[in-house]
N, C-alpha and C. Protein backbone atom coordinates (compact mmCIF):
# COMPACT_ATOMS: atom_id res chain seq x y z
N MET A 1 1.96 19.67 16.44
CA MET A 1 1.79 18.35 17.08
C MET A 1 0.15 17.67 16.38
N LYS A 2 -0.40 18.94 15.98
CA LYS A 2 -1.81 18.63 15.13
C LYS A 2 -1.61 18.35 14.25
N LYS A 3 -0.32 18.42 13.19
CA LYS A 3 -0.33 17.59 11.82
C LYS A 3 -0.06 16.20 12.21
N ILE A 4 0.91 15.82 12.99
CA ILE A 4 1.38 14.51 13.48
C ILE A 4 -0.66 13.99 13.57
N VAL A 5 -1.19 14.06 14.78
CA VAL A 5 -2.03 13.39 14.66
C VAL A 5 -3.16 13.28 13.53
N VAL A 6 -3.34 14.45 12.50
CA VAL A 6 -4.05 14.47 11.33
C VAL A 6 -3.34 13.05 10.47
N VAL A 7 -2.13 13.30 10.23
CA VAL A 7 -1.30 11.92 9.58
C VAL A 7 -1.43 10.72 10.14
N LEU A 8 -1.38 10.83 11.35
CA LEU A 8 -1.84 9.24 12.03
C LEU A 8 -3.62 8.81 11.57
N THR A 9 -4.07 9.76 11.66
CA THR A 9 -5.41 9.60 11.34
C THR A 9 -5.78 9.14 10.29
N VAL A 10 -4.94 9.85 9.35
CA VAL A 10 -4.89 8.97 7.42
C VAL A 10 -4.30 7.87 7.69
N LEU A 11 -3.56 7.88 8.17
CA LEU A 11 -3.12 6.30 8.07
C LEU A 11 -3.34 5.28 8.43
N LEU A 12 -4.05 5.19 9.99
CA LEU A 12 -4.71 4.40 10.59
C LEU A 12 -6.18 4.04 9.50
N THR A 13 -6.59 5.34 9.11
CA THR A 13 -7.70 5.05 8.29
C THR A 13 -7.25 3.92 6.95
N LEU A 14 -6.25 4.48 6.04
CA LEU A 14 -5.92 4.03 4.87
C LEU A 14 -5.55 2.18 5.58
N THR A 15 -4.97 2.02 6.54
CA THR A 15 -4.39 0.92 7.05
C THR A 15 -5.79 0.02 7.13
N SER A 16 -6.68 0.11 7.81
CA SER A 16 -7.78 -0.10 8.03
C SER A 16 -8.15 -0.60 6.55
N CYS A 17 -8.43 0.38 5.38
CA CYS A 17 -9.25 0.02 4.49
C CYS A 17 -8.41 -1.23 3.56
N GLN A 18 -7.22 -0.88 3.83
CA GLN A 18 -5.98 -1.81 3.02
C GLN A 18 -6.39 -3.56 3.80
N SER A 19 -6.35 -3.59 4.99
CA SER A 19 -7.10 -4.61 5.62
C SER A 19 -8.12 -5.64 5.13
N GLN A 20 -9.39 -4.83 5.26
CA GLN A 20 -10.91 -4.89 4.72
C GLN A 20 -10.09 -5.33 2.93
N GLN A 21 -8.95 -4.71 2.45
CA GLN A 21 -9.34 -4.91 0.82
C GLN A 21 -8.56 -6.04 0.80
N ASN A 22 -7.58 -6.62 1.58
CA ASN A 22 -6.82 -8.05 1.51
C ASN A 22 -7.42 -9.30 1.78
N LYS A 23 -8.71 -8.76 2.74
CA LYS A 23 -9.35 -9.85 3.14
C LYS A 23 -10.45 -10.34 2.06
N GLN A 24 -11.16 -8.99 1.21
CA GLN A 24 -12.07 -9.23 0.34
C GLN A 24 -11.32 -9.63 -0.77
N ASN A 25 -9.81 -9.32 -1.08
CA ASN A 25 -9.16 -10.18 -2.09
C ASN A 25 -8.97 -11.64 -1.95
N THR A 26 -8.68 -12.43 -1.02
CA THR A 26 -8.23 -13.37 -0.13
C THR A 26 -9.64 -14.13 -0.72
N ALA A 27 -10.36 -13.77 -0.13
CA ALA A 27 -11.92 -14.68 -0.39
C ALA A 27 -12.44 -14.61 -1.48
N GLU A 28 -11.67 -14.27 -2.78
CA GLU A 28 -12.27 -13.86 -3.89
C GLU A 28 -11.65 -14.75 -4.41
N ALA A 29 -10.30 -15.00 -4.16
CA ALA A 29 -9.13 -15.55 -4.99
C ALA A 29 -9.60 -16.90 -4.34
N LYS A 30 -10.40 -17.41 -3.84
CA LYS A 30 -10.83 -18.61 -3.61
C LYS A 30 -11.83 -19.50 -4.29
N THR A 31 -12.62 -18.12 -4.90
CA THR A 31 -13.85 -18.97 -5.56
C THR A 31 -14.04 -18.44 -7.12
N GLN A 32 -13.10 -17.59 -7.66
CA GLN A 32 -12.27 -17.51 -8.85
C GLN A 32 -11.41 -17.88 -9.69
N PRO A 33 -11.51 -18.67 -10.26
CA PRO A 33 -9.95 -19.89 -11.05
C PRO A 33 -9.51 -18.86 -11.86
N SER A 34 -9.66 -17.89 -12.59
CA SER A 34 -8.93 -17.09 -13.11
C SER A 34 -8.99 -15.35 -13.32
N PRO A 35 -8.49 -14.86 -12.22
CA PRO A 35 -9.03 -13.78 -12.18
C PRO A 35 -8.19 -12.37 -12.92
N SER A 36 -7.51 -12.82 -13.74
CA SER A 36 -7.38 -11.79 -14.78
C SER A 36 -8.37 -11.78 -15.85
N MET A 37 -8.94 -12.90 -16.04
CA MET A 37 -9.77 -12.99 -16.95
C MET A 37 -11.09 -12.48 -17.07
N ASN A 38 -11.78 -13.15 -15.06
CA ASN A 38 -12.67 -12.51 -15.12
C ASN A 38 -12.86 -11.00 -13.82
N LYS A 39 -12.07 -10.47 -14.05
CA LYS A 39 -12.09 -8.95 -12.88
C LYS A 39 -12.59 -8.08 -14.00
N THR A 40 -13.25 -6.93 -13.36
CA THR A 40 -13.68 -6.08 -14.40
C THR A 40 -12.25 -4.94 -14.23
N ASP A 41 -12.40 -3.83 -15.41
CA ASP A 41 -12.31 -2.66 -15.08
C ASP A 41 -12.09 -2.19 -13.49
N GLU A 42 -13.19 -1.80 -13.54
CA GLU A 42 -13.49 -1.28 -11.74
C GLU A 42 -12.88 -2.05 -10.69
N GLU A 43 -12.79 -3.16 -10.96
CA GLU A 43 -12.34 -4.09 -9.55
C GLU A 43 -10.77 -3.82 -9.91
N TRP A 44 -10.27 -4.12 -10.86
CA TRP A 44 -8.82 -3.37 -11.36
C TRP A 44 -8.77 -1.98 -10.55
N LYS A 45 -9.27 -0.84 -10.54
CA LYS A 45 -9.16 0.49 -10.42
C LYS A 45 -9.40 0.27 -9.04
N LYS A 46 -10.18 -0.68 -8.62
CA LYS A 46 -10.97 -0.13 -7.00
C LYS A 46 -9.13 -0.66 -5.77
N VAL A 47 -8.71 -1.86 -6.45
CA VAL A 47 -7.33 -2.37 -5.72
C VAL A 47 -6.33 -1.48 -5.99
N VAL A 48 -6.26 -0.98 -7.18
CA VAL A 48 -4.73 -0.42 -7.47
C VAL A 48 -5.24 1.35 -6.69
N ASP A 49 -6.37 1.86 -6.77
CA ASP A 49 -6.81 2.84 -5.88
C ASP A 49 -6.40 2.94 -4.57
N ILE A 50 -6.46 1.66 -3.79
CA ILE A 50 -6.43 1.18 -2.21
C ILE A 50 -5.20 1.43 -2.05
N GLN A 51 -4.79 0.22 -2.86
CA GLN A 51 -3.22 -0.49 -2.25
C GLN A 51 -1.98 0.48 -3.42
N LEU A 52 -2.24 1.24 -4.03
CA LEU A 52 -1.03 2.11 -4.90
C LEU A 52 -1.23 3.54 -4.80
N ASP A 53 -2.65 4.05 -5.29
CA ASP A 53 -2.71 5.50 -5.67
C ASP A 53 -2.60 5.94 -4.18
N ALA A 54 -3.33 5.19 -2.77
CA ALA A 54 -3.44 5.85 -1.69
C ALA A 54 -2.13 6.61 -1.14
N VAL A 55 -0.99 5.51 -1.29
CA VAL A 55 -0.07 5.29 -0.96
C VAL A 55 0.93 6.64 -1.30
N TYR A 56 0.72 6.96 -2.66
CA TYR A 56 1.31 7.61 -3.36
C TYR A 56 0.86 9.04 -2.48
N TYR A 57 -0.58 9.48 -2.85
CA TYR A 57 -0.99 10.65 -2.71
C TYR A 57 -0.49 11.42 -1.24
N LEU A 58 -0.80 9.99 -0.28
CA LEU A 58 -0.68 10.37 1.53
C LEU A 58 1.00 10.53 1.12
N GLY A 59 1.74 9.94 0.73
CA GLY A 59 3.40 9.97 0.86
C GLY A 59 3.81 11.79 0.37
N ARG A 60 3.03 12.13 -0.67
CA ARG A 60 2.85 13.45 -1.45
C ARG A 60 2.58 14.44 -0.53
N ALA A 61 1.54 13.99 -0.12
CA ALA A 61 0.89 15.70 0.72
C ALA A 61 1.76 15.63 2.37
N VAL A 62 2.24 14.03 3.16
CA VAL A 62 3.01 14.62 4.07
C VAL A 62 4.72 14.96 3.88
N ALA A 63 5.19 14.63 2.77
CA ALA A 63 6.46 14.76 2.19
C ALA A 63 6.48 16.39 2.07
N ALA A 64 5.61 17.11 1.90
CA ALA A 64 6.25 18.27 1.65
C ALA A 64 6.76 19.04 3.00
N VAL A 65 5.44 18.55 4.00
CA VAL A 65 5.54 19.16 5.13
C VAL A 65 6.78 18.99 6.05
N MET A 66 7.07 17.47 5.45
CA MET A 66 8.40 16.98 6.65
C MET A 66 9.33 17.70 5.68
N ALA A 67 9.48 17.71 4.56
CA ALA A 67 10.82 18.47 3.76
C ALA A 67 10.93 19.75 4.25
N LYS A 68 10.03 20.19 4.13
CA LYS A 68 10.09 21.91 5.04
C LYS A 68 10.17 22.22 6.19
N GLN A 69 10.11 21.00 6.79
CA GLN A 69 10.42 21.24 8.93
C GLN A 69 12.03 20.30 9.17
N GLY A 70 12.83 19.73 7.70
CA GLY A 70 13.63 19.33 7.62
C GLY A 70 13.56 17.41 8.59
N PHE A 71 13.42 17.41 8.35
CA PHE A 71 13.23 15.83 8.64
C PHE A 71 11.68 15.48 8.72
N GLY A 72 11.45 13.88 8.94
CA GLY A 72 10.21 12.81 9.09
C GLY A 72 10.83 11.83 8.25
N LYS A 73 9.51 10.63 8.92
CA LYS A 73 9.86 9.25 8.41
C LYS A 73 8.46 9.15 8.06
N ILE A 74 8.53 8.19 6.69
CA ILE A 74 7.19 7.76 5.82
C ILE A 74 7.69 6.12 5.92
N ILE A 75 6.77 5.57 6.43
CA ILE A 75 6.49 4.17 6.57
C ILE A 75 5.30 3.59 5.75
N ASN A 76 5.74 3.19 4.20
CA ASN A 76 4.35 2.17 3.76
C ASN A 76 4.55 0.82 3.74
N VAL A 77 2.94 0.39 4.15
CA VAL A 77 2.93 -0.92 3.68
C VAL A 77 2.96 -1.47 2.98
N ALA A 78 3.71 -2.29 2.22
CA ALA A 78 3.97 -3.53 1.00
C ALA A 78 3.52 -4.87 1.81
N SER A 79 3.76 -5.27 0.97
CA SER A 79 3.61 -6.93 0.96
C SER A 79 4.48 -7.96 1.35
N ALA A 80 4.62 -9.20 1.55
CA ALA A 80 5.31 -10.08 0.57
C ALA A 80 5.49 -10.39 -0.31
N LEU A 81 3.99 -9.91 -0.94
CA LEU A 81 4.11 -10.40 -2.63
C LEU A 81 4.10 -8.97 -3.35
N SER A 82 5.05 -7.86 -2.40
CA SER A 82 5.54 -6.65 -3.36
C SER A 82 7.14 -7.62 -4.07
N TYR A 83 7.47 -8.83 -3.87
CA TYR A 83 8.58 -9.70 -4.03
C TYR A 83 8.61 -10.60 -4.95
N ALA A 84 7.02 -10.95 -4.86
CA ALA A 84 6.58 -12.67 -5.78
C ALA A 84 5.45 -12.28 -6.23
N ALA A 85 4.72 -13.04 -6.56
CA ALA A 85 3.31 -12.84 -7.58
C ALA A 85 2.53 -14.05 -7.15
N ASP A 86 1.29 -13.63 -7.17
CA ASP A 86 -0.08 -14.12 -6.98
C ASP A 86 -0.59 -14.65 -7.94
N PRO A 87 -0.79 -15.98 -8.81
CA PRO A 87 -1.80 -15.64 -9.61
C PRO A 87 -3.39 -15.64 -9.17
N SER A 88 -3.84 -15.64 -7.75
CA SER A 88 -4.95 -15.32 -7.63
C SER A 88 -5.16 -13.97 -7.21
N SER A 89 -4.30 -12.96 -7.21
CA SER A 89 -4.92 -11.57 -6.95
C SER A 89 -3.66 -10.75 -7.89
N PRO A 90 -3.85 -10.55 -9.26
CA PRO A 90 -2.85 -9.63 -9.93
C PRO A 90 -2.92 -8.46 -10.06
N ALA A 91 -3.97 -7.87 -9.32
CA ALA A 91 -4.05 -6.08 -9.10
C ALA A 91 -3.41 -6.07 -8.05
N TYR A 92 -3.45 -6.86 -6.69
CA TYR A 92 -2.95 -6.78 -5.63
C TYR A 92 -1.38 -6.66 -5.64
N THR A 93 -1.26 -7.74 -5.87
CA THR A 93 0.22 -8.11 -6.57
C THR A 93 0.91 -6.70 -7.27
N THR A 94 0.37 -6.40 -8.09
CA THR A 94 0.73 -5.35 -9.15
C THR A 94 1.24 -4.04 -8.51
N ALA A 95 -0.23 -3.49 -7.59
CA ALA A 95 -0.16 -2.43 -6.30
C ALA A 95 1.30 -2.49 -5.62
N LYS A 96 1.27 -3.71 -5.22
CA LYS A 96 1.93 -4.16 -3.65
C LYS A 96 4.15 -3.54 -4.36
N HIS A 97 4.11 -4.05 -5.69
CA HIS A 97 4.99 -3.89 -6.13
C HIS A 97 5.29 -2.51 -6.50
N GLY A 98 4.03 -2.00 -7.43
CA GLY A 98 4.38 -0.66 -7.32
C GLY A 98 4.85 0.40 -5.62
N VAL A 99 4.01 -0.29 -4.85
CA VAL A 99 4.39 0.32 -3.48
C VAL A 99 6.11 0.53 -3.35
N ILE A 100 6.52 -0.64 -3.25
CA ILE A 100 8.32 -0.70 -3.22
C ILE A 100 8.48 0.45 -4.55
N GLY A 101 7.90 0.27 -5.93
CA GLY A 101 8.76 1.28 -6.09
C GLY A 101 8.60 2.90 -5.82
N ILE A 102 7.73 3.21 -5.15
CA ILE A 102 6.92 4.44 -4.48
C ILE A 102 8.00 4.98 -3.30
N THR A 103 8.17 4.13 -2.36
CA THR A 103 9.21 4.19 -1.31
C THR A 103 10.65 3.84 -1.76
N ARG A 104 10.90 3.37 -2.75
CA ARG A 104 12.22 3.77 -3.35
C ARG A 104 12.53 5.07 -3.65
N SER A 105 11.44 5.49 -4.68
CA SER A 105 11.58 6.85 -5.18
C SER A 105 11.51 7.92 -4.07
N PHE A 106 10.43 7.71 -3.22
CA PHE A 106 10.57 8.93 -2.13
C PHE A 106 12.15 9.17 -1.36
N ALA A 107 12.51 7.65 -1.02
CA ALA A 107 13.56 7.70 -0.47
C ALA A 107 14.71 8.34 -0.65
N VAL A 108 14.62 8.12 -2.29
CA VAL A 108 15.96 8.64 -2.87
C VAL A 108 15.60 10.71 -3.01
N GLU A 109 14.57 10.87 -3.71
CA GLU A 109 13.61 12.16 -3.64
C GLU A 109 13.93 13.04 -1.97
N LEU A 110 13.47 12.28 -1.19
CA LEU A 110 13.35 13.19 0.68
C LEU A 110 14.65 13.05 0.76
N GLY A 111 15.18 11.97 0.89
CA GLY A 111 16.74 11.82 1.82
C GLY A 111 17.69 13.50 1.57
N ARG A 112 17.79 13.83 1.00
CA ARG A 112 18.51 15.20 1.17
C ARG A 112 17.97 16.30 2.01
N PHE A 113 16.30 16.02 2.46
CA PHE A 113 16.21 17.30 3.17
C PHE A 113 15.69 16.35 4.87
N GLY A 114 16.15 15.22 4.88
CA GLY A 114 16.35 14.68 6.55
C GLY A 114 15.02 14.00 6.46
N VAL A 115 14.38 13.39 5.57
CA VAL A 115 13.03 12.78 4.99
C VAL A 115 13.25 11.26 4.77
N THR A 116 13.33 10.22 5.75
CA THR A 116 13.39 8.96 5.31
C THR A 116 12.53 8.50 5.05
N CYS A 117 12.43 7.18 4.00
CA CYS A 117 11.05 6.40 3.51
C CYS A 117 11.32 5.05 2.80
N ASN A 118 10.53 4.20 3.82
CA ASN A 118 10.74 2.60 4.03
C ASN A 118 9.44 2.08 3.96
N ALA A 119 9.65 0.85 3.29
CA ALA A 119 8.32 0.06 3.59
C ALA A 119 8.55 -1.27 4.48
N ILE A 120 7.65 -1.66 4.81
CA ILE A 120 7.55 -2.81 5.88
C ILE A 120 6.53 -3.72 4.93
N ALA A 121 6.79 -4.98 4.88
CA ALA A 121 6.00 -6.04 4.00
C ALA A 121 5.58 -7.72 5.15
N PRO A 122 4.93 -7.13 5.55
CA PRO A 122 4.51 -8.32 6.24
C PRO A 122 4.41 -9.48 5.61
N GLY A 123 4.81 -11.05 5.99
CA GLY A 123 4.33 -12.18 5.26
C GLY A 123 3.16 -12.62 5.34
N PHE A 124 2.72 -13.90 5.42
CA PHE A 124 1.07 -14.22 5.44
C PHE A 124 1.24 -15.07 6.44
N TYR A 125 -0.35 -14.70 7.02
CA TYR A 125 -0.65 -15.16 8.25
C TYR A 125 -1.78 -15.97 8.52
N MET A 126 -2.45 -17.08 9.57
CA MET A 126 -3.80 -17.78 8.98
C MET A 126 -4.60 -17.32 9.75
N THR A 127 -5.79 -17.18 8.79
CA THR A 127 -6.85 -16.60 9.77
C THR A 127 -8.06 -17.38 8.85
N LYS A 128 -9.07 -16.86 9.21
CA LYS A 128 -10.41 -17.39 8.85
C LYS A 128 -10.33 -17.58 7.18
N VAL A 129 -9.97 -15.77 6.86
CA VAL A 129 -10.09 -15.70 5.42
C VAL A 129 -9.13 -16.35 4.46
N THR A 130 -7.91 -16.67 5.34
CA THR A 130 -7.16 -16.87 4.30
C THR A 130 -6.49 -18.77 4.44
N ASP A 131 -7.48 -19.27 5.18
CA ASP A 131 -7.51 -21.07 5.63
C ASP A 131 -7.83 -21.35 4.60
């Protein structure tokens, strides 16, 4: 039970970070006409670190425990942009495409151990930031 609580705490923290990053990406997209040319390497890396690398590292960490116990479920948070492109946020779009790739790879790799891996891909919703 202790391991489950730790994993859920990490997942909630990552989800919170993703939510904040999404708000920032959306707000920035409205003020920058050409994101690919105006973004620094550091800005690109920050988005990819939060949106893609965190998914991989957390999945890798819990996969070992789940495989050893013979069951588990990994649910990654993708996006509608995992299947489309958004010219206003190329790093986010790229990272979310990657989440689908990680999810599929983990599913194929871990299935034989009784571990499933899926992704949810929420669509867009109207907020003050996306308005």
